C-alpha atoms as a PDB file:
ATOM      1  CA  MET A   1       0.000   0.000   0.000  1.00  0.00           C
ATOM      2  CA  ALA A   2       1.257   3.489  -0.881  1.00  0.00           C
ATOM      3  CA  THR A   3       2.518   5.583   2.004  1.00  0.00           C
ATOM      4  CA  CYS A   4       3.035   9.285   2.690  1.00  0.00           C
ATOM      5  CA  ASN A   5       6.509  10.535   1.775  1.00  0.00           C
ATOM      6  CA  LEU A   6       6.539  12.673   4.917  1.00  0.00           C
ATOM      7  CA  CYS A   7       5.109  10.528   7.718  1.00  0.00           C
ATOM      8  CA  SER A   8       5.407   7.059   6.110  1.00  0.00           C
ATOM      9  CA  GLU A   9       1.817   6.210   7.085  1.00  0.00           C
ATOM     10  CA  SER A  10      -0.811   4.784   4.723  1.00  0.00           C
ATOM     11  CA  LEU A  11      -2.382   7.386   2.427  1.00  0.00           C
ATOM     12  CA  THR A  12      -5.768   7.135   4.131  1.00  0.00           C
ATOM     13  CA  VAL A  13      -7.494   8.877   7.011  1.00  0.00           C
ATOM     14  CA  PRO A  14      -9.928   7.278   9.474  1.00  0.00           C
ATOM     15  CA  LEU A  15     -13.594   8.162   9.243  1.00  0.00           C
ATOM     16  CA  ASP A  16     -15.415   9.817  12.097  1.00  0.00           C
ATOM     17  CA  PRO A  17     -17.770   7.299  13.758  1.00  0.00           C
ATOM     18  CA  ASP A  18     -20.875   9.109  12.488  1.00  0.00           C
ATOM     19  CA  GLU A  19     -19.498   9.111   8.923  1.00  0.00           C
ATOM     20  CA  SER A  20     -18.480   5.462   8.767  1.00  0.00           C
ATOM     21  CA  ASP A  21     -22.095   4.286   8.338  1.00  0.00           C
ATOM     22  CA  GLN A  22     -22.212   5.996   4.938  1.00  0.00           C
ATOM     23  CA  PHE A  23     -19.370   3.809   3.678  1.00  0.00           C
ATOM     24  CA  GLU A  24     -20.346   0.428   5.160  1.00  0.00           C
ATOM     25  CA  GLY A  25     -20.024  -2.407   2.698  1.00  0.00           C
ATOM     26  CA  GLY A  26     -18.585  -0.141   0.021  1.00  0.00           C
ATOM     27  CA  SER A  27     -14.868  -0.537   0.601  1.00  0.00           C
ATOM     28  CA  SER A  28     -12.317  -3.122   1.597  1.00  0.00           C
ATOM     29  CA  SER A  29     -10.723  -0.506   3.857  1.00  0.00           C
ATOM     30  CA  LEU A  30     -13.831  -0.003   5.987  1.00  0.00           C
ATOM     31  CA  GLY A  31     -13.430   2.880   8.413  1.00  0.00           C
ATOM     32  CA  SER A  32     -11.014   4.918   6.306  1.00  0.00           C
ATOM     33  CA  VAL A  33     -11.008   6.979   3.120  1.00  0.00           C
ATOM     34  CA  PRO A  34      -8.244   7.961   0.672  1.00  0.00           C
ATOM     35  CA  ASP A  35      -6.100  11.000   1.447  1.00  0.00           C
ATOM     36  CA  ASP A  36      -3.515  11.099  -1.338  1.00  0.00           C
ATOM     37  CA  LEU A  37      -2.065  14.401  -2.546  1.00  0.00           C
ATOM     38  CA  GLN A  38       0.348  13.926  -5.464  1.00  0.00           C
ATOM     39  CA  LEU A  39       2.757  16.725  -6.393  1.00  0.00           C
ATOM     40  CA  ILE A  40       4.238  17.237  -9.870  1.00  0.00           C
ATOM     41  CA  CYS A  41       7.562  15.860  -8.625  1.00  0.00           C
ATOM     42  CA  GLY A  42       5.811  12.507  -8.112  1.00  0.00           C
ATOM     43  CA  CYS A  43       5.800  12.502  -4.306  1.00  0.00           C
ATOM     44  CA  HIS A  44       2.622  11.510  -2.462  1.00  0.00           C
ATOM     45  CA  MET A  45       1.573  12.798   0.941  1.00  0.00           C
ATOM     46  CA  HIS A  46      -1.373  13.429   3.203  1.00  0.00           C
ATOM     47  CA  TRP A  47      -3.147  16.753   2.738  1.00  0.00           C
ATOM     48  CA  GLN A  48      -2.413  17.840   6.320  1.00  0.00           C
ATOM     49  CA  CYS A  49       1.184  16.639   6.214  1.00  0.00           C
ATOM     50  CA  LEU A  50       1.839  18.967   3.284  1.00  0.00           C
ATOM     51  CA  LEU A  51       0.017  21.925   4.859  1.00  0.00           C
ATOM     52  CA  ASP A  52       2.037  21.456   8.047  1.00  0.00           C
ATOM     53  CA  GLU A  53       5.153  22.125   5.948  1.00  0.00           C
ATOM     54  CA  SER A  54       3.727  25.318   4.394  1.00  0.00           C
ATOM     55  CA  PRO A  55       6.080  27.743   6.224  1.00  0.00           C
ATOM     56  CA  GLN A  56       9.062  25.884   4.738  1.00  0.00           C
ATOM     57  CA  ILE A  57       7.486  25.461   1.287  1.00  0.00           C
ATOM     58  CA  VAL A  58       6.108  28.942   0.615  1.00  0.00           C
ATOM     59  CA  ASN A  59       9.337  30.749  -0.302  1.00  0.00           C
ATOM     60  CA  ALA A  60      11.114  28.301  -2.620  1.00  0.00           C
ATOM     61  CA  LEU A  61       8.076  26.147  -3.566  1.00  0.00           C
ATOM     62  CA  ASN A  62      10.087  22.948  -3.352  1.00  0.00           C
ATOM     63  CA  CYS A  63       8.793  19.532  -2.313  1.00  0.00           C
ATOM     64  CA  PRO A  64       9.372  18.971   1.423  1.00  0.00           C
ATOM     65  CA  SER A  65      10.339  15.363   0.654  1.00  0.00           C
ATOM     66  CA  CYS A  66      12.576  15.381  -2.451  1.00  0.00           C
ATOM     67  CA  ASN A  67      13.325  19.139  -2.595  1.00  0.00           C
ATOM     68  CA  ARG A  68      12.401  19.393  -6.282  1.00  0.00           C
ATOM     69  CA  SER A  69      10.269  22.282  -7.537  1.00  0.00           C
ATOM     70  CA  ILE A  70       6.511  21.798  -7.233  1.00  0.00           C
ATOM     71  CA  ALA A  71       5.590  25.043  -9.020  1.00  0.00           C
ATOM     72  CA  SER A  72       4.586  25.675 -12.597  1.00  0.00           C
ATOM     73  CA  SER A  73       4.245  28.953 -14.474  1.00  0.00           C
ATOM     74  CA  VAL A  74       0.987  30.143 -15.966  1.00  0.00           C
ATOM     75  CA  ALA A  75       0.917  32.197 -19.146  1.00  0.00           C
ATOM     76  CA  SER A  76      -2.123  32.888 -21.299  1.00  0.00           C
ATOM     77  CA  SER A  77      -1.821  34.879 -24.526  1.00  0.00           C
ATOM     78  CA  SER A  78      -5.595  35.313 -24.686  1.00  0.00           C
ATOM     79  CA  THR A  79      -5.951  36.845 -21.225  1.00  0.00           C
ATOM     80  CA  SER A  80      -2.405  38.105 -20.608  1.00  0.00           C
ATOM     81  CA  VAL A  81      -2.490  36.361 -17.240  1.00  0.00           C
ATOM     82  CA  THR A  82       0.806  35.210 -15.773  1.00  0.00           C
ATOM     83  CA  GLY A  83       1.628  33.716 -12.431  1.00  0.00           C
ATOM     84  CA  THR A  84       2.697  30.681 -10.462  1.00  0.00           C
ATOM     85  CA  ARG A  85       0.675  27.615  -9.543  1.00  0.00           C
ATOM     86  CA  VAL A  86       1.277  24.490  -7.474  1.00  0.00           C
ATOM     87  CA  PRO A  87      -0.748  21.912  -9.429  1.00  0.00           C
ATOM     88  CA  THR A  88      -1.591  18.644  -7.696  1.00  0.00           C
ATOM     89  CA  ARG A  89      -3.732  15.544  -8.062  1.00  0.00           C
ATOM     90  CA  TYR A  90      -5.804  14.919  -4.950  1.00  0.00           C
ATOM     91  CA  HIS A  91      -7.699  11.713  -4.167  1.00  0.00           C
ATOM     92  CA  ASN A  92     -10.044  11.846  -1.183  1.00  0.00           C
ATOM     93  CA  GLU A  93     -13.491  10.557  -0.211  1.00  0.00           C
ATOM     94  CA  GLY A  94     -15.067  12.838  -2.806  1.00  0.00           C
ATOM     95  CA  GLY A  95     -13.111  11.329  -5.690  1.00  0.00           C
ATOM     96  CA  ILE A  96     -10.113  12.533  -7.683  1.00  0.00           C
ATOM     97  CA  GLN A  97      -9.419  16.202  -8.346  1.00  0.00           C
ATOM     98  CA  GLU A  98      -6.996  16.770 -11.200  1.00  0.00           C
ATOM     99  CA  ASP A  99      -4.897  19.920 -11.579  1.00  0.00           C
ATOM    100  CA  LEU A 100      -5.824  21.290  -8.145  1.00  0.00           C
ATOM    101  CA  ASP A 101      -3.818  24.457  -7.420  1.00  0.00           C
ATOM    102  CA  ILE A 102      -2.862  24.495  -3.737  1.00  0.00           C
ATOM    103  CA  LEU A 103      -0.615  27.588  -3.771  1.00  0.00           C
ATOM    104  CA  PRO A 104      -3.293  29.811  -2.139  1.00  0.00           C
ATOM    105  CA  LEU A 105      -3.675  27.263   0.675  1.00  0.00           C
ATOM    106  CA  ILE A 106       0.085  27.029   1.197  1.00  0.00           C
ATOM    107  CA  ALA A 107       0.343  30.835   1.334  1.00  0.00           C
ATOM    108  CA  GLU A 108      -2.544  31.043   3.805  1.00  0.00           C
ATOM    109  CA  GLU A 109      -1.157  28.345   6.109  1.00  0.00           C
ATOM    110  CA  ALA A 110       2.299  29.947   6.077  1.00  0.00           C
ATOM    111  CA  TYR A 111       0.769  33.326   6.942  1.00  0.00           C
ATOM    112  CA  LEU A 112      -1.317  31.866   9.774  1.00  0.00           C
ATOM    113  CA  ASP A 113       1.710  30.025  11.137  1.00  0.00           C
ATOM    114  CA  GLU A 114       3.446  33.394  11.468  1.00  0.00           C
ATOM    115  CA  HIS A 115       0.291  35.239  12.591  1.00  0.00           C
ATOM    116  CA  PRO A 116      -1.829  32.725  14.572  1.00  0.00           C
ATOM    117  CA  GLU A 117      -3.916  35.557  16.013  1.00  0.00           C
ATOM    118  CA  ALA A 118      -5.368  36.069  12.512  1.00  0.00           C
ATOM    119  CA  ARG A 119      -7.093  32.654  12.375  1.00  0.00           C
ATOM    120  CA  PRO A 120     -10.500  33.967  13.534  1.00  0.00           C
ATOM    121  CA  ALA A 121     -10.245  36.761  10.953  1.00  0.00           C
ATOM    122  CA  ARG A 122      -9.508  34.284   8.160  1.00  0.00           C
ATOM    123  CA  ALA A 123     -12.487  32.205   9.312  1.00  0.00           C
ATOM    124  CA  PHE A 124     -14.612  35.382   9.253  1.00  0.00           C
ATOM    125  CA  MET A 125     -13.526  36.156   5.674  1.00  0.00           C
ATOM    126  CA  THR A 126     -14.407  32.622   4.551  1.00  0.00           C
ATOM    127  CA  MET A 127     -17.830  32.843   6.185  1.00  0.00           C
ATOM    128  CA  CYS A 128     -18.476  36.205   4.486  1.00  0.00           C
ATOM    129  CA  SER A 129     -17.577  34.740   1.089  1.00  0.00           C
ATOM    130  CA  GLU A 130     -19.926  31.782   1.683  1.00  0.00           C
ATOM    131  CA  GLY A 131     -22.781  33.836   3.140  1.00  0.00           C
ATOM    132  CA  ASP A 132     -22.655  31.866   6.399  1.00  0.00           C
ATOM    133  CA  ILE A 133     -24.629  34.282   8.574  1.00  0.00           C
ATOM    134  CA  MET A 134     -25.082  31.882  11.503  1.00  0.00           C
ATOM    135  CA  GLY A 135     -21.374  31.067  11.456  1.00  0.00           C
ATOM    136  CA  ILE A 136     -20.509  34.781  11.548  1.00  0.00           C
ATOM    137  CA  HIS A 137     -22.915  35.320  14.452  1.00  0.00           C
ATOM    138  CA  ASP A 138     -21.390  32.426  16.397  1.00  0.00           C
ATOM    139  CA  LEU A 139     -17.834  33.592  15.670  1.00  0.00           C
ATOM    140  CA  LEU A 140     -18.528  37.168  16.807  1.00  0.00           C
ATOM    141  CA  SER A 141     -20.177  35.862  19.975  1.00  0.00           C
ATOM    142  CA  ALA A 142     -17.235  33.551  20.641  1.00  0.00           C
ATOM    143  CA  VAL A 143     -14.578  36.255  20.318  1.00  0.00           C
ATOM    144  CA  GLU A 144     -16.600  38.608  22.524  1.00  0.00           C
ATOM    145  CA  ASP A 145     -16.806  35.884  25.179  1.00  0.00           C
ATOM    146  CA  ASP A 146     -13.098  34.995  24.937  1.00  0.00           C
ATOM    147  CA  GLU A 147     -11.842  35.377  28.488  1.00  0.00           C
ATOM    148  CA  ASP A 148      -8.189  34.949  27.513  1.00  0.00           C
ATOM    149  CA  GLY A 149      -8.300  38.022  25.306  1.00  0.00           C
ATOM    150  CA  GLU A 150      -6.064  36.378  22.707  1.00  0.00           C
ATOM    151  CA  GLY A 151      -6.491  37.265  19.049  1.00  0.00           C
ATOM    152  CA  LEU A 152      -8.853  39.846  17.584  1.00  0.00           C
ATOM    153  CA  SER A 153     -11.976  41.036  19.372  1.00  0.00           C
ATOM    154  CA  ALA A 154     -15.255  41.578  17.527  1.00  0.00           C
ATOM    155  CA  LYS A 155     -14.652  45.211  16.496  1.00  0.00           C
ATOM    156  CA  PRO A 156     -11.231  44.683  14.846  1.00  0.00           C
ATOM    157  CA  LEU A 157     -12.569  41.475  13.317  1.00  0.00           C
ATOM    158  CA  LEU A 158     -15.324  43.398  11.528  1.00  0.00           C
ATOM    159  CA  ARG A 159     -12.767  45.939  10.261  1.00  0.00           C
ATOM    160  CA  TYR A 160     -10.180  43.311   9.279  1.00  0.00           C
ATOM    161  CA  GLN A 161      -8.587  43.764   5.856  1.00  0.00           C
ATOM    162  CA  ASP A 162      -7.140  40.580   4.381  1.00  0.00           C
ATOM    163  CA  PRO A 163      -3.472  40.927   3.313  1.00  0.00           C
ATOM    164  CA  LEU A 164      -3.828  37.705   1.309  1.00  0.00           C
ATOM    165  CA  ASP A 165      -6.705  39.116  -0.765  1.00  0.00           C
ATOM    166  CA  GLY A 166      -5.832  42.675  -1.734  1.00  0.00           C
ATOM    167  CA  MET A 167      -6.661  44.131   1.708  1.00  0.00           C
ATOM    168  CA  LYS A 168     -10.374  43.483   1.186  1.00  0.00           C
ATOM    169  CA  SER A 169     -12.732  43.521   4.150  1.00  0.00           C
ATOM    170  CA  GLY A 170     -15.434  40.977   4.877  1.00  0.00           C
ATOM    171  CA  LEU A 171     -17.952  43.435   3.439  1.00  0.00           C
ATOM    172  CA  HIS A 172     -16.052  43.613   0.143  1.00  0.00           C
ATOM    173  CA  VAL A 173     -15.841  39.832  -0.129  1.00  0.00           C
ATOM    174  CA  ALA A 174     -19.509  39.316   0.763  1.00  0.00           C
ATOM    175  CA  ILE A 175     -20.670  41.829  -1.856  1.00  0.00           C
ATOM    176  CA  GLU A 176     -18.420  40.272  -4.513  1.00  0.00           C
ATOM    177  CA  LYS A 177     -19.993  36.879  -3.798  1.00  0.00           C
ATOM    178  CA  GLY A 178     -23.544  38.241  -3.653  1.00  0.00           C
ATOM    179  CA  HIS A 179     -23.950  37.852   0.123  1.00  0.00           C
ATOM    180  CA  LEU A 180     -24.696  41.406   1.264  1.00  0.00           C
ATOM    181  CA  MET A 181     -26.425  40.285   4.478  1.00  0.00           C
ATOM    182  CA  ALA A 182     -23.313  38.398   5.554  1.00  0.00           C
ATOM    183  CA  GLY A 183     -21.130  41.426   4.888  1.00  0.00           C
ATOM    184  CA  THR A 184     -23.249  43.721   7.058  1.00  0.00           C
ATOM    185  CA  MET A 185     -23.460  41.354  10.041  1.00  0.00           C
ATOM    186  CA  GLY A 186     -22.318  43.256  13.085  1.00  0.00           C
ATOM    187  CA  VAL A 187     -22.183  46.670  11.390  1.00  0.00           C
ATOM    188  CA  GLY A 188     -24.073  48.924  13.765  1.00  0.00           C
ATOM    189  CA  ARG A 189     -23.806  46.481  16.684  1.00  0.00           C
ATOM    190  CA  ASP A 190     -21.730  49.067  18.488  1.00  0.00           C
ATOM    191  CA  THR A 191     -19.741  52.206  17.836  1.00  0.00           C
ATOM    192  CA  ALA A 192     -16.219  51.205  16.875  1.00  0.00           C
ATOM    193  CA  ASP A 193     -13.137  53.367  16.968  1.00  0.00           C
ATOM    194  CA  GLY A 194     -11.172  53.679  13.751  1.00  0.00           C
ATOM    195  CA  GLU A 195     -12.064  53.806  10.080  1.00  0.00           C
ATOM    196  CA  ASP A 196     -15.564  52.811   8.999  1.00  0.00           C
ATOM    197  CA  ILE A 197     -15.246  49.683   6.826  1.00  0.00           C
ATOM    198  CA  ARG A 198     -18.103  50.959   4.667  1.00  0.00           C
ATOM    199  CA  ASN A 199     -15.792  53.718   3.404  1.00  0.00           C
ATOM    200  CA  LEU A 200     -12.956  51.420   2.364  1.00  0.00           C
ATOM    201  CA  ARG A 201     -12.135  51.174  -1.316  1.00  0.00           C
ATOM    202  CA  MET A 202     -13.834  48.480  -3.385  1.00  0.00           C
END
């Protein structure tokens, strides 16, 4: 059986008990599902094993196992778009995803490793982009109730501008994705010091 080039374990992950019922009788490896991320260098690893190496990968974009480049250049004469990608082939419980670019995920994980206090803000941005109003409500309540006082409180969270996405706020992202209600969650909850996010550039 194929193993991860980083941890040497089988390229599967165990199912949660409540998920295992969905797969009963459908696989010889009952209780687990594939978790096989293949890089262009040919190395295979678990999704999380690779993301754990993001701080070391992000600058040179080399494989953490064989040290060969895992990046490819993008150039399109029709759109004049250029850039760098980290194309992969990922096999998980949902099937096989070909040509999956994981560079944005590597960049995000590396940033959060250096700035762990920004994790709630990144979660907030994701919820705004998905229109997850209940998730935003729960997150704002959780940070307000945080007795340790670590990370961002609710007011700075609402004003957060994402350095990984052109300094956009949650409001910008929500409007772009057609989720205006998500973007205005919390605006007007209280008077906040600092710049009004509604006046930030689009």
